[in-house]
Amino acid sequence: MITLRTTGRIPGSSEVEPVSVASAREALVQVQAGDADYACVPIESSLEGPVVPTLDTLAVGAPLQIFAETVLPVSFTIAVRPGTAAGDVKTVAGFPIAAAQVREWLATNLPDAELVAANSNAAAAEDVKAERADAGVCTEWAAQRLGLHALASGVVDEAHAHTRFVLVGRPGPPPAATGADRTSVVLGLGNVPGALAAAMNEFAIRDIDLTRIESRPTRTGLGTYRFFLDCVGHIDDIAVGEALKGLHRRCEDVRYLGSWPRGTTAPTGANPPVLDEASGWLAETREGRLR
């Protein structure tokens, strides 16, 4: 399973004993219940966008917090039971996001095979082992662990596909600011004109770059949504802290998902402005010391 193999690449995870579970949702629920300390789960794919089970679970239930991330190149193994040839494959198990990243390969090489959904890459391999599917889209490690053979290796439709993984635990002090950080929140907004624009304006007026915005239904009725926002910066940055205070005033609900070092050195927007000078000017002005 990609997530289990990725755990060791997450900063701060060297003391963690990895345990495999069937899905990202199950991993997060175990943390919420106190049955695990952390979960390493995928949150974003460069090809397919957000990992929906991860977002939906982060937004509800006991609060969770992201402490670290890593971004990794992704490719897949098409795993089969020993002795299975391409012509024998009638069904292929795949986690939807993984399957979407090998869609063209499957259409070219296994055009008659039916794709069946699996809860994760590990679950796809398990489905093959249990003969619930003839082939599975999984990792090389998952295939080897179960004694499966590779019908094909290094499979991905786009050569530069990447997935972002996050280390999630129960709430606590965030990692110290590094100057290259990401902050994430989930917003519940009232159904009034301009509510989303007003929330985003809390970042815009402070020159804070938003790097991601997603909406997901609340599942309480048609037309009701939660909004996931990522920005450049850390909760300890004055500008980011002020923006979060503004969101708390404006929004029906704000769930803070954490501030942590970005997992890539690639540029992802400008850092928030340093407001120390502006704060000093305001303090002096309040004291009557005009410049």
C-alpha atoms as a PDB file:
ATOM      1  CA  MET A   1       0.000   0.000   0.000  1.00  0.00           C
ATOM      2  CA  ILE A   2       1.510   3.347  -1.034  1.00  0.00           C
ATOM      3  CA  THR A   3       0.537   5.013   2.216  1.00  0.00           C
ATOM      4  CA  LEU A   4       2.236   2.429   4.421  1.00  0.00           C
ATOM      5  CA  ARG A   5       5.423   2.567   2.381  1.00  0.00           C
ATOM      6  CA  THR A   6       5.292   6.367   2.451  1.00  0.00           C
ATOM      7  CA  THR A   7       5.149   6.626   6.238  1.00  0.00           C
ATOM      8  CA  GLY A   8       8.933   6.462   6.568  1.00  0.00           C
ATOM      9  CA  ARG A   9       9.300   9.405   4.175  1.00  0.00           C
ATOM     10  CA  ILE A  10       7.217  11.711   6.372  1.00  0.00           C
ATOM     11  CA  PRO A  11       9.347  13.989   8.600  1.00  0.00           C
ATOM     12  CA  GLY A  12       9.020  13.048  12.263  1.00  0.00           C
ATOM     13  CA  SER A  13       7.757   9.524  11.601  1.00  0.00           C
ATOM     14  CA  SER A  14      10.960   7.586  12.369  1.00  0.00           C
ATOM     15  CA  GLU A  15       9.633   6.442  15.755  1.00  0.00           C
ATOM     16  CA  VAL A  16       6.274   5.295  14.369  1.00  0.00           C
ATOM     17  CA  GLU A  17       5.448   1.600  14.027  1.00  0.00           C
ATOM     18  CA  PRO A  18       3.445   1.303  10.773  1.00  0.00           C
ATOM     19  CA  VAL A  19       0.247  -0.748  10.686  1.00  0.00           C
ATOM     20  CA  SER A  20      -1.633  -1.430   7.452  1.00  0.00           C
ATOM     21  CA  VAL A  21      -5.372  -0.705   7.233  1.00  0.00           C
ATOM     22  CA  ALA A  22      -7.850  -1.036   4.394  1.00  0.00           C
ATOM     23  CA  SER A  23      -8.454   2.638   3.570  1.00  0.00           C
ATOM     24  CA  ALA A  24      -7.542   6.239   4.326  1.00  0.00           C
ATOM     25  CA  ARG A  25     -10.859   6.694   6.100  1.00  0.00           C
ATOM     26  CA  GLU A  26     -10.206   3.717   8.367  1.00  0.00           C
ATOM     27  CA  ALA A  27      -6.739   5.021   9.209  1.00  0.00           C
ATOM     28  CA  LEU A  28      -8.121   8.419  10.224  1.00  0.00           C
ATOM     29  CA  VAL A  29     -11.002   6.921  12.199  1.00  0.00           C
ATOM     30  CA  GLN A  30      -8.507   4.841  14.183  1.00  0.00           C
ATOM     31  CA  VAL A  31      -6.676   8.041  15.138  1.00  0.00           C
ATOM     32  CA  GLN A  32      -9.946   9.731  16.107  1.00  0.00           C
ATOM     33  CA  ALA A  33     -10.815   6.750  18.310  1.00  0.00           C
ATOM     34  CA  GLY A  34      -7.389   6.681  19.968  1.00  0.00           C
ATOM     35  CA  ASP A  35      -6.516   3.283  18.482  1.00  0.00           C
ATOM     36  CA  ALA A  36      -3.582   4.780  16.551  1.00  0.00           C
ATOM     37  CA  ASP A  37      -1.368   7.792  17.174  1.00  0.00           C
ATOM     38  CA  TYR A  38      -0.997   8.922  13.563  1.00  0.00           C
ATOM     39  CA  ALA A  39      -2.295   8.151  10.090  1.00  0.00           C
ATOM     40  CA  CYS A  40      -0.304   8.618   6.897  1.00  0.00           C
ATOM     41  CA  VAL A  41      -2.871   9.225   4.150  1.00  0.00           C
ATOM     42  CA  PRO A  42      -2.965  10.623   0.603  1.00  0.00           C
ATOM     43  CA  ILE A  43      -4.660  13.988   0.316  1.00  0.00           C
ATOM     44  CA  GLU A  44      -3.998  15.258  -3.213  1.00  0.00           C
ATOM     45  CA  SER A  45      -3.105  13.805  -6.614  1.00  0.00           C
ATOM     46  CA  SER A  46      -1.541  15.880  -9.369  1.00  0.00           C
ATOM     47  CA  LEU A  47      -3.758  14.071 -11.902  1.00  0.00           C
ATOM     48  CA  GLU A  48      -7.056  13.554 -10.079  1.00  0.00           C
ATOM     49  CA  GLY A  49      -7.039  16.351  -7.493  1.00  0.00           C
ATOM     50  CA  PRO A  50      -8.332  15.847  -3.942  1.00  0.00           C
ATOM     51  CA  VAL A  51      -8.529  12.442  -2.279  1.00  0.00           C
ATOM     52  CA  VAL A  52     -12.177  12.663  -1.258  1.00  0.00           C
ATOM     53  CA  PRO A  53     -12.252  10.046   1.553  1.00  0.00           C
ATOM     54  CA  THR A  54      -9.405  11.876   3.283  1.00  0.00           C
ATOM     55  CA  LEU A  55     -11.066  15.298   3.035  1.00  0.00           C
ATOM     56  CA  ASP A  56     -14.460  14.048   4.157  1.00  0.00           C
ATOM     57  CA  THR A  57     -13.043  12.302   7.223  1.00  0.00           C
ATOM     58  CA  LEU A  58     -10.894  15.280   8.230  1.00  0.00           C
ATOM     59  CA  ALA A  59     -13.996  17.487   8.193  1.00  0.00           C
ATOM     60  CA  VAL A  60     -16.197  15.551  10.634  1.00  0.00           C
ATOM     61  CA  GLY A  61     -15.978  13.722  13.928  1.00  0.00           C
ATOM     62  CA  ALA A  62     -13.272  14.234  16.530  1.00  0.00           C
ATOM     63  CA  PRO A  63     -10.798  16.946  15.472  1.00  0.00           C
ATOM     64  CA  LEU A  64      -7.646  15.874  13.654  1.00  0.00           C
ATOM     65  CA  GLN A  65      -4.522  17.848  12.782  1.00  0.00           C
ATOM     66  CA  ILE A  66      -1.913  17.605  10.034  1.00  0.00           C
ATOM     67  CA  PHE A  67       1.696  17.743  11.237  1.00  0.00           C
ATOM     68  CA  ALA A  68       3.806  16.960   8.160  1.00  0.00           C
ATOM     69  CA  GLU A  69       3.642  16.118   4.474  1.00  0.00           C
ATOM     70  CA  THR A  70       5.661  14.680   1.639  1.00  0.00           C
ATOM     71  CA  VAL A  71       5.191  14.704  -2.131  1.00  0.00           C
ATOM     72  CA  LEU A  72       6.180  11.583  -4.054  1.00  0.00           C
ATOM     73  CA  PRO A  73       6.221  10.461  -7.682  1.00  0.00           C
ATOM     74  CA  VAL A  74       3.684   7.729  -8.284  1.00  0.00           C
ATOM     75  CA  SER A  75       3.566   4.657 -10.493  1.00  0.00           C
ATOM     76  CA  PHE A  76       1.736   1.374 -10.156  1.00  0.00           C
ATOM     77  CA  THR A  77       2.071  -2.363 -10.586  1.00  0.00           C
ATOM     78  CA  ILE A  78      -0.641  -4.369 -12.314  1.00  0.00           C
ATOM     79  CA  ALA A  79      -0.594  -7.412 -10.036  1.00  0.00           C
ATOM     80  CA  VAL A  80      -1.955 -10.873 -10.817  1.00  0.00           C
ATOM     81  CA  ARG A  81      -1.893 -14.301  -9.226  1.00  0.00           C
ATOM     82  CA  PRO A  82       0.963 -16.547 -10.391  1.00  0.00           C
ATOM     83  CA  GLY A  83       0.211 -18.121 -13.742  1.00  0.00           C
ATOM     84  CA  THR A  84      -2.277 -15.441 -14.836  1.00  0.00           C
ATOM     85  CA  ALA A  85      -1.743 -14.077 -18.345  1.00  0.00           C
ATOM     86  CA  ALA A  86      -3.119 -10.852 -19.788  1.00  0.00           C
ATOM     87  CA  GLY A  87      -5.752 -12.799 -21.702  1.00  0.00           C
ATOM     88  CA  ASP A  88      -7.057 -14.285 -18.454  1.00  0.00           C
ATOM     89  CA  VAL A  89      -7.843 -10.909 -16.893  1.00  0.00           C
ATOM     90  CA  LYS A  90     -11.559 -10.143 -16.875  1.00  0.00           C
ATOM     91  CA  THR A  91     -11.693  -7.893 -13.785  1.00  0.00           C
ATOM     92  CA  VAL A  92      -9.230  -5.316 -12.435  1.00  0.00           C
ATOM     93  CA  ALA A  93      -9.503  -4.009  -8.852  1.00  0.00           C
ATOM     94  CA  GLY A  94      -8.345  -0.455  -8.240  1.00  0.00           C
ATOM     95  CA  PHE A  95      -8.709   2.413  -5.804  1.00  0.00           C
ATOM     96  CA  PRO A  96     -10.542   5.024  -7.943  1.00  0.00           C
ATOM     97  CA  ILE A  97      -7.763   7.630  -7.822  1.00  0.00           C
ATOM     98  CA  ALA A  98      -5.103   5.025  -8.643  1.00  0.00           C
ATOM     99  CA  ALA A  99      -7.212   3.477 -11.395  1.00  0.00           C
ATOM    100  CA  ALA A 100      -7.736   6.899 -12.962  1.00  0.00           C
ATOM    101  CA  GLN A 101      -3.965   7.320 -13.255  1.00  0.00           C
ATOM    102  CA  VAL A 102      -3.624   4.129 -15.345  1.00  0.00           C
ATOM    103  CA  ARG A 103      -6.863   4.478 -17.312  1.00  0.00           C
ATOM    104  CA  GLU A 104      -5.170   4.764 -20.712  1.00  0.00           C
ATOM    105  CA  TRP A 105      -2.855   1.827 -20.012  1.00  0.00           C
ATOM    106  CA  LEU A 106      -5.798  -0.372 -19.062  1.00  0.00           C
ATOM    107  CA  ALA A 107      -7.751   0.668 -22.157  1.00  0.00           C
ATOM    108  CA  THR A 108      -4.797  -0.224 -24.379  1.00  0.00           C
ATOM    109  CA  ASN A 109      -3.554  -3.399 -22.707  1.00  0.00           C
ATOM    110  CA  LEU A 110      -6.663  -4.850 -21.012  1.00  0.00           C
ATOM    111  CA  PRO A 111      -9.481  -3.379 -23.113  1.00  0.00           C
ATOM    112  CA  ASP A 112     -12.051  -6.041 -22.214  1.00  0.00           C
ATOM    113  CA  ALA A 113     -11.414  -6.077 -18.457  1.00  0.00           C
ATOM    114  CA  GLU A 114     -14.002  -4.638 -16.082  1.00  0.00           C
ATOM    115  CA  LEU A 115     -12.713  -2.175 -13.492  1.00  0.00           C
ATOM    116  CA  VAL A 116     -14.031  -2.790  -9.967  1.00  0.00           C
ATOM    117  CA  ALA A 117     -13.533  -0.349  -7.098  1.00  0.00           C
ATOM    118  CA  ALA A 118     -11.256  -1.123  -4.136  1.00  0.00           C
ATOM    119  CA  ASN A 119     -10.928   0.825  -0.888  1.00  0.00           C
ATOM    120  CA  SER A 120      -7.182   1.384  -1.313  1.00  0.00           C
ATOM    121  CA  ASN A 121      -4.155   0.157  -3.232  1.00  0.00           C
ATOM    122  CA  ALA A 122      -3.558  -2.449  -0.538  1.00  0.00           C
ATOM    123  CA  ALA A 123      -7.181  -3.573  -0.787  1.00  0.00           C
ATOM    124  CA  ALA A 124      -6.815  -3.982  -4.561  1.00  0.00           C
ATOM    125  CA  ALA A 125      -3.935  -6.394  -3.999  1.00  0.00           C
ATOM    126  CA  GLU A 126      -5.950  -8.211  -1.338  1.00  0.00           C
ATOM    127  CA  ASP A 127      -8.836  -8.587  -3.798  1.00  0.00           C
ATOM    128  CA  VAL A 128      -6.517 -10.301  -6.266  1.00  0.00           C
ATOM    129  CA  LYS A 129      -5.104 -12.596  -3.600  1.00  0.00           C
ATOM    130  CA  ALA A 130      -8.637 -13.545  -2.490  1.00  0.00           C
ATOM    131  CA  GLU A 131      -9.686 -14.160  -6.128  1.00  0.00           C
ATOM    132  CA  ARG A 132     -12.266 -11.376  -6.033  1.00  0.00           C
ATOM    133  CA  ALA A 133     -10.474  -9.843  -9.037  1.00  0.00           C
ATOM    134  CA  ASP A 134      -8.107 -11.175 -11.681  1.00  0.00           C
ATOM    135  CA  ALA A 135      -5.730  -8.195 -11.494  1.00  0.00           C
ATOM    136  CA  GLY A 136      -5.172  -5.211  -9.243  1.00  0.00           C
ATOM    137  CA  VAL A 137      -3.728  -1.710  -9.513  1.00  0.00           C
ATOM    138  CA  CYS A 138      -1.366  -1.504  -6.549  1.00  0.00           C
ATOM    139  CA  THR A 139       2.240  -0.907  -5.546  1.00  0.00           C
ATOM    140  CA  GLU A 140       5.120  -3.245  -6.223  1.00  0.00           C
ATOM    141  CA  TRP A 141       5.531  -3.701  -2.466  1.00  0.00           C
ATOM    142  CA  ALA A 142       1.873  -4.672  -1.975  1.00  0.00           C
ATOM    143  CA  ALA A 143       2.137  -7.244  -4.760  1.00  0.00           C
ATOM    144  CA  GLN A 144       5.329  -8.753  -3.353  1.00  0.00           C
ATOM    145  CA  ARG A 145       3.929  -8.869   0.174  1.00  0.00           C
ATOM    146  CA  LEU A 146       1.049 -11.077  -0.985  1.00  0.00           C
ATOM    147  CA  GLY A 147       3.064 -13.257  -3.347  1.00  0.00           C
ATOM    148  CA  LEU A 148       1.506 -11.768  -6.483  1.00  0.00           C
ATOM    149  CA  HIS A 149       3.254 -11.388  -9.817  1.00  0.00           C
ATOM    150  CA  ALA A 150       3.614  -8.212 -11.855  1.00  0.00           C
ATOM    151  CA  LEU A 151       1.797  -8.269 -15.168  1.00  0.00           C
ATOM    152  CA  ALA A 152       3.301  -4.804 -15.670  1.00  0.00           C
ATOM    153  CA  SER A 153       5.407  -2.467 -13.511  1.00  0.00           C
ATOM    154  CA  GLY A 154       5.971   1.282 -13.412  1.00  0.00           C
ATOM    155  CA  VAL A 155       2.567   1.932 -14.965  1.00  0.00           C
ATOM    156  CA  VAL A 156       1.214   5.496 -15.044  1.00  0.00           C
ATOM    157  CA  ASP A 157      -0.401   7.467 -17.846  1.00  0.00           C
ATOM    158  CA  GLU A 158       1.461  10.707 -17.068  1.00  0.00           C
ATOM    159  CA  ALA A 159       5.178  10.482 -16.385  1.00  0.00           C
ATOM    160  CA  HIS A 160       5.179  13.346 -13.884  1.00  0.00           C
ATOM    161  CA  ALA A 161       2.329  12.144 -11.658  1.00  0.00           C
ATOM    162  CA  HIS A 162       2.762  12.963  -7.968  1.00  0.00           C
ATOM    163  CA  THR A 163       0.713  12.424  -4.829  1.00  0.00           C
ATOM    164  CA  ARG A 164       0.858  14.463  -1.626  1.00  0.00           C
ATOM    165  CA  PHE A 165       0.665  12.511   1.630  1.00  0.00           C
ATOM    166  CA  VAL A 166       0.066  13.948   5.099  1.00  0.00           C
ATOM    167  CA  LEU A 167       0.787  12.744   8.627  1.00  0.00           C
ATOM    168  CA  VAL A 168      -2.355  13.242  10.726  1.00  0.00           C
ATOM    169  CA  GLY A 169      -2.727  13.005  14.501  1.00  0.00           C
ATOM    170  CA  ARG A 170      -4.900  14.283  17.302  1.00  0.00           C
ATOM    171  CA  PRO A 171      -4.677  18.046  17.976  1.00  0.00           C
ATOM    172  CA  GLY A 172      -1.520  19.471  19.508  1.00  0.00           C
ATOM    173  CA  PRO A 173       0.966  22.323  19.091  1.00  0.00           C
ATOM    174  CA  PRO A 174       1.927  22.635  15.415  1.00  0.00           C
ATOM    175  CA  PRO A 175       5.520  22.255  14.220  1.00  0.00           C
ATOM    176  CA  ALA A 176       7.508  25.474  14.488  1.00  0.00           C
ATOM    177  CA  ALA A 177       7.281  27.879  11.577  1.00  0.00           C
ATOM    178  CA  THR A 178      10.001  27.385   8.964  1.00  0.00           C
ATOM    179  CA  GLY A 179       9.250  30.161   6.484  1.00  0.00           C
ATOM    180  CA  ALA A 180       8.054  27.541   3.976  1.00  0.00           C
ATOM    181  CA  ASP A 181       4.805  26.378   5.523  1.00  0.00           C
ATOM    182  CA  ARG A 182       1.237  25.469   4.663  1.00  0.00           C
ATOM    183  CA  THR A 183      -1.909  26.125   6.732  1.00  0.00           C
ATOM    184  CA  SER A 184      -5.236  24.404   6.099  1.00  0.00           C
ATOM    185  CA  VAL A 185      -8.778  25.037   7.347  1.00  0.00           C
ATOM    186  CA  VAL A 186     -12.299  23.747   6.705  1.00  0.00           C
ATOM    187  CA  LEU A 187     -15.056  26.357   6.636  1.00  0.00           C
ATOM    188  CA  GLY A 188     -18.781  26.103   7.220  1.00  0.00           C
ATOM    189  CA  LEU A 189     -20.510  29.109   5.666  1.00  0.00           C
ATOM    190  CA  GLY A 190     -24.005  30.468   5.988  1.00  0.00           C
ATOM    191  CA  ASN A 191     -26.178  30.416   2.871  1.00  0.00           C
ATOM    192  CA  VAL A 192     -25.988  34.159   2.331  1.00  0.00           C
ATOM    193  CA  PRO A 193     -24.758  36.165  -0.669  1.00  0.00           C
ATOM    194  CA  GLY A 194     -21.025  36.798  -0.637  1.00  0.00           C
ATOM    195  CA  ALA A 195     -20.197  34.436   2.249  1.00  0.00           C
ATOM    196  CA  LEU A 196     -17.408  32.640   0.389  1.00  0.00           C
ATOM    197  CA  ALA A 197     -16.053  35.855  -1.123  1.00  0.00           C
ATOM    198  CA  ALA A 198     -15.953  37.449   2.332  1.00  0.00           C
ATOM    199  CA  ALA A 199     -14.068  34.473   3.750  1.00  0.00           C
ATOM    200  CA  MET A 200     -11.512  34.510   0.939  1.00  0.00           C
ATOM    201  CA  ASN A 201     -11.139  38.264   1.350  1.00  0.00           C
ATOM    202  CA  GLU A 202      -9.702  37.668   4.839  1.00  0.00           C
ATOM    203  CA  PHE A 203      -6.671  36.263   3.021  1.00  0.00           C
ATOM    204  CA  ALA A 204      -6.656  38.679   0.081  1.00  0.00           C
ATOM    205  CA  ILE A 205      -6.559  41.866   2.158  1.00  0.00           C
ATOM    206  CA  ARG A 206      -3.522  40.506   4.018  1.00  0.00           C
ATOM    207  CA  ASP A 207      -1.653  39.441   0.846  1.00  0.00           C
ATOM    208  CA  ILE A 208      -1.823  35.755   1.804  1.00  0.00           C
ATOM    209  CA  ASP A 209      -1.673  33.324  -1.108  1.00  0.00           C
ATOM    210  CA  LEU A 210      -4.403  30.686  -1.247  1.00  0.00           C
ATOM    211  CA  THR A 211      -2.957  27.572  -2.883  1.00  0.00           C
ATOM    212  CA  ARG A 212      -6.024  25.335  -2.855  1.00  0.00           C
ATOM    213  CA  ILE A 213      -9.780  25.627  -2.453  1.00  0.00           C
ATOM    214  CA  GLU A 214     -12.146  22.649  -2.619  1.00  0.00           C
ATOM    215  CA  SER A 215     -15.821  22.215  -1.836  1.00  0.00           C
ATOM    216  CA  ARG A 216     -17.478  19.064  -0.505  1.00  0.00           C
ATOM    217  CA  PRO A 217     -21.158  18.478   0.298  1.00  0.00           C
ATOM    218  CA  THR A 218     -22.047  18.383   3.981  1.00  0.00           C
ATOM    219  CA  ARG A 219     -24.433  15.451   3.344  1.00  0.00           C
ATOM    220  CA  THR A 220     -27.130  17.245   5.305  1.00  0.00           C
ATOM    221  CA  GLY A 221     -29.084  18.434   2.266  1.00  0.00           C
ATOM    222  CA  LEU A 222     -28.775  19.677  -1.295  1.00  0.00           C
ATOM    223  CA  GLY A 223     -26.829  22.880  -1.759  1.00  0.00           C
ATOM    224  CA  THR A 224     -24.903  22.773   1.530  1.00  0.00           C
ATOM    225  CA  TYR A 225     -21.123  22.599   1.287  1.00  0.00           C
ATOM    226  CA  ARG A 226     -17.925  22.764   3.295  1.00  0.00           C
ATOM    227  CA  PHE A 227     -14.912  24.569   1.894  1.00  0.00           C
ATOM    228  CA  PHE A 228     -11.313  23.418   2.288  1.00  0.00           C
ATOM    229  CA  LEU A 229      -8.721  26.192   2.017  1.00  0.00           C
ATOM    230  CA  ASP A 230      -4.927  25.924   2.006  1.00  0.00           C
ATOM    231  CA  CYS A 231      -2.735  28.992   2.259  1.00  0.00           C
ATOM    232  CA  VAL A 232       0.958  29.777   2.308  1.00  0.00           C
ATOM    233  CA  GLY A 233       2.165  30.524   5.826  1.00  0.00           C
ATOM    234  CA  HIS A 234       1.900  29.403   9.442  1.00  0.00           C
ATOM    235  CA  ILE A 235      -0.605  30.113  12.207  1.00  0.00           C
ATOM    236  CA  ASP A 236       2.226  31.863  14.087  1.00  0.00           C
ATOM    237  CA  ASP A 237       2.664  34.346  11.209  1.00  0.00           C
ATOM    238  CA  ILE A 238       0.861  37.531  12.232  1.00  0.00           C
ATOM    239  CA  ALA A 239      -0.958  37.871   8.906  1.00  0.00           C
ATOM    240  CA  VAL A 240      -2.178  34.264   8.911  1.00  0.00           C
ATOM    241  CA  GLY A 241      -3.251  34.501  12.543  1.00  0.00           C
ATOM    242  CA  GLU A 242      -5.262  37.643  11.819  1.00  0.00           C
ATOM    243  CA  ALA A 243      -6.895  35.970   8.818  1.00  0.00           C
ATOM    244  CA  LEU A 244      -7.924  33.001  10.960  1.00  0.00           C
ATOM    245  CA  LYS A 245      -9.412  35.367  13.535  1.00  0.00           C
ATOM    246  CA  GLY A 246     -11.386  37.014  10.751  1.00  0.00           C
ATOM    247  CA  LEU A 247     -12.688  33.644   9.575  1.00  0.00           C
ATOM    248  CA  HIS A 248     -13.773  32.803  13.114  1.00  0.00           C
ATOM    249  CA  ARG A 249     -15.813  36.009  13.216  1.00  0.00           C
ATOM    250  CA  ARG A 250     -17.405  35.509   9.787  1.00  0.00           C
ATOM    251  CA  CYS A 251     -17.995  31.764   9.423  1.00  0.00           C
ATOM    252  CA  GLU A 252     -20.505  29.451  11.046  1.00  0.00           C
ATOM    253  CA  ASP A 253     -17.706  26.966  11.694  1.00  0.00           C
ATOM    254  CA  VAL A 254     -13.921  26.916  11.297  1.00  0.00           C
ATOM    255  CA  ARG A 255     -11.986  23.674  11.661  1.00  0.00           C
ATOM    256  CA  TYR A 256      -8.227  24.233  11.796  1.00  0.00           C
ATOM    257  CA  LEU A 257      -6.395  21.328  10.128  1.00  0.00           C
ATOM    258  CA  GLY A 258      -2.899  22.479  10.989  1.00  0.00           C
ATOM    259  CA  SER A 259       0.210  24.406   9.983  1.00  0.00           C
ATOM    260  CA  TRP A 260       3.245  22.406   8.875  1.00  0.00           C
ATOM    261  CA  PRO A 261       6.332  22.587   6.634  1.00  0.00           C
ATOM    262  CA  ARG A 262       5.567  22.208   2.934  1.00  0.00           C
ATOM    263  CA  GLY A 263       6.783  18.928   1.514  1.00  0.00           C
ATOM    264  CA  THR A 264       8.264  20.336  -1.665  1.00  0.00           C
ATOM    265  CA  THR A 265      10.815  23.010  -2.462  1.00  0.00           C
ATOM    266  CA  ALA A 266       8.923  24.005  -5.622  1.00  0.00           C
ATOM    267  CA  PRO A 267       7.475  27.531  -5.461  1.00  0.00           C
ATOM    268  CA  THR A 268       3.876  27.459  -4.241  1.00  0.00           C
ATOM    269  CA  GLY A 269       3.081  31.128  -3.744  1.00  0.00           C
ATOM    270  CA  ALA A 270       4.580  34.015  -1.829  1.00  0.00           C
ATOM    271  CA  ASN A 271       5.011  33.950   1.938  1.00  0.00           C
ATOM    272  CA  PRO A 272       2.647  36.215   3.896  1.00  0.00           C
ATOM    273  CA  PRO A 273       3.968  39.713   4.610  1.00  0.00           C
ATOM    274  CA  VAL A 274       5.840  40.394   7.827  1.00  0.00           C
ATOM    275  CA  LEU A 275       3.693  42.789   9.828  1.00  0.00           C
ATOM    276  CA  ASP A 276       6.074  43.564  12.694  1.00  0.00           C
ATOM    277  CA  GLU A 277       6.758  47.068  11.379  1.00  0.00           C
ATOM    278  CA  ALA A 278       3.050  47.764  10.897  1.00  0.00           C
ATOM    279  CA  SER A 279       2.318  46.483  14.410  1.00  0.00           C
ATOM    280  CA  GLY A 280       5.041  48.722  15.805  1.00  0.00           C
ATOM    281  CA  TRP A 281       3.644  51.726  13.961  1.00  0.00           C
ATOM    282  CA  LEU A 282       0.154  51.028  15.339  1.00  0.00           C
ATOM    283  CA  ALA A 283       1.445  50.686  18.902  1.00  0.00           C
ATOM    284  CA  GLU A 284       3.338  53.971  18.643  1.00  0.00           C
ATOM    285  CA  THR A 285       0.335  55.739  17.130  1.00  0.00           C
ATOM    286  CA  ARG A 286      -1.893  54.530  19.965  1.00  0.00           C
ATOM    287  CA  GLU A 287       0.614  56.028  22.394  1.00  0.00           C
ATOM    288  CA  GLY A 288       0.636  59.345  20.545  1.00  0.00           C
ATOM    289  CA  ARG A 289       4.156  58.872  19.165  1.00  0.00           C
ATOM    290  CA  LEU A 290       3.417  59.888  15.595  1.00  0.00           C
ATOM    291  CA  ARG A 291       6.057  59.538  12.942  1.00  0.00           C
END
